[in-house]
C-alpha cells in the first residue's frame, strides 16, 4: 500500500487505511495498483484536493475499471462536481 505515498497520501492515512479495511480489500488494492493509481490521478486531474478522504471512505470505488470511473465523473459539470466533492465527499456514494 506504500504506492499511495507516491500519490500524496500521508503515512498516517495509509496506516489508518490498512487498519480499517478488510484484508481481502487490501489485497485487491495491492493487486490492482495500476487501476487504483489511475483512478486517484483522475480525481487529482479533475481538481479534487480531498481525494485522500474520498479514497478512505470509498476505497472500493477506486477498484472499478478506469474508463468506468472516468465516465462516472465526466457526466457532471467539472467545476460543480469538484465544489460539491470538496464540500462533502460523501456524495461519491450517489454518483
Protein backbone atom coordinates (compact mmCIF):
# COMPACT_ATOMS: atom_id res chain seq x y z
CA UNK A 1 0.00 0.00 0.00
CA UNK A 2 3.03 2.26 0.11
CA UNK A 3 2.36 3.21 -3.52
CA UNK A 4 -0.27 5.52 -2.05
CA UNK A 5 2.54 7.60 -0.56
CA UNK A 6 3.74 8.38 -4.08
CA UNK A 7 0.23 9.64 -4.82
CA UNK A 8 0.29 12.16 -1.99
CA UNK A 9 -1.10 10.11 0.88
CA UNK A 10 0.30 10.76 4.34
CA UNK A 11 1.81 7.72 6.07
CA UNK A 12 -0.69 8.09 8.92
CA UNK A 13 -3.58 7.86 6.45
CA UNK A 14 -2.03 4.77 4.83
CA UNK A 15 -1.71 3.15 8.25
CA UNK A 16 -5.33 4.07 9.05
CA UNK A 17 -6.45 2.51 5.77
CA UNK A 18 -4.53 -0.68 6.49
CA UNK A 19 -6.06 -0.96 9.96
CA UNK A 20 -9.65 -0.26 8.94
CA UNK A 21 -10.04 -2.01 5.60
CA UNK A 22 -10.59 -5.77 5.45
CA UNK A 23 -7.53 -7.77 4.40
CA UNK A 24 -9.28 -9.04 1.27
CA UNK A 25 -9.83 -5.44 0.13
CA UNK A 26 -6.23 -4.54 0.92
CA UNK A 27 -5.09 -7.43 -1.25
CA UNK A 28 -7.33 -6.22 -4.07
CA UNK A 29 -5.94 -2.69 -3.72
CA UNK A 30 -2.41 -4.07 -3.92
CA UNK A 31 -3.17 -6.36 -6.86
CA UNK A 32 -4.90 -3.56 -8.77
CA UNK A 33 -2.31 -0.88 -8.09
CA UNK A 34 -2.40 0.45 -11.67
CA UNK A 35 -6.17 0.85 -11.70
CA UNK A 36 -6.25 2.46 -8.25
CA UNK A 37 -3.42 4.81 -9.23
CA UNK A 38 -5.13 5.81 -12.47
CA UNK A 39 -8.42 6.48 -10.68
CA UNK A 40 -6.77 8.56 -7.95
CA UNK A 41 -4.89 10.52 -10.61
CA UNK A 42 -8.19 11.05 -12.42
CA UNK A 43 -9.63 12.75 -9.34
CA UNK A 44 -6.48 14.79 -8.88
CA UNK A 45 -6.63 15.94 -12.51
CA UNK A 46 -10.23 16.99 -12.01
CA UNK A 47 -9.01 19.26 -9.24
CA UNK A 48 -10.32 17.31 -6.26
CA UNK A 49 -7.96 18.14 -3.40
CA UNK A 50 -9.59 15.87 -0.81
CA UNK A 51 -9.03 12.73 -2.88
CA UNK A 52 -7.45 11.03 0.15
CA UNK A 53 -10.71 11.44 2.09
CA UNK A 54 -12.60 10.05 -0.90
CA UNK A 55 -10.30 7.05 -1.01
CA UNK A 56 -10.57 6.35 2.71
CA UNK A 57 -14.37 6.38 2.58
CA UNK A 58 -14.92 4.78 -0.83
CA UNK A 59 -11.80 2.68 -1.47
CA UNK A 60 -13.84 0.04 -3.30
CA UNK A 61 -14.88 2.59 -5.91
CA UNK A 62 -11.23 3.02 -6.90
CA UNK A 63 -11.08 -0.64 -7.93
CA UNK A 64 -13.51 -0.23 -10.81
CA UNK A 65 -12.32 -0.06 -14.39
CA UNK A 66 -10.60 3.24 -15.17
CA UNK A 67 -12.90 4.06 -18.09
CA UNK A 68 -16.00 3.40 -15.99
CA UNK A 69 -14.54 5.51 -13.18
CA UNK A 70 -13.85 8.35 -15.61
CA UNK A 71 -17.34 8.04 -17.12
CA UNK A 72 -18.93 8.41 -13.68
CA UNK A 73 -17.27 11.78 -13.15
CA UNK A 74 -17.29 13.11 -16.71
CA UNK A 75 -21.09 13.20 -16.95
CA UNK A 76 -21.20 16.10 -14.46
CA UNK A 77 -20.10 19.70 -14.77
CA UNK A 78 -16.48 19.64 -13.66
CA UNK A 79 -16.45 22.79 -11.52
CA UNK A 80 -19.75 21.97 -9.86
CA UNK A 81 -18.69 18.39 -9.13
CA UNK A 82 -15.34 19.43 -7.68
CA UNK A 83 -17.00 22.05 -5.48
CA UNK A 84 -19.53 19.52 -4.20
CA UNK A 85 -16.87 16.87 -3.54
CA UNK A 86 -14.75 19.42 -1.69
CA UNK A 87 -17.72 20.33 0.46
CA UNK A 88 -18.92 16.77 1.10
CA UNK A 89 -17.00 13.78 -0.26
CA UNK A 90 -19.91 11.52 0.74
CA UNK A 91 -21.72 12.46 -2.47
CA UNK A 92 -19.46 9.98 -4.25
CA UNK A 93 -21.80 7.32 -2.98
CA UNK A 94 -24.57 8.72 -5.17
CA UNK A 95 -22.64 9.27 -8.41
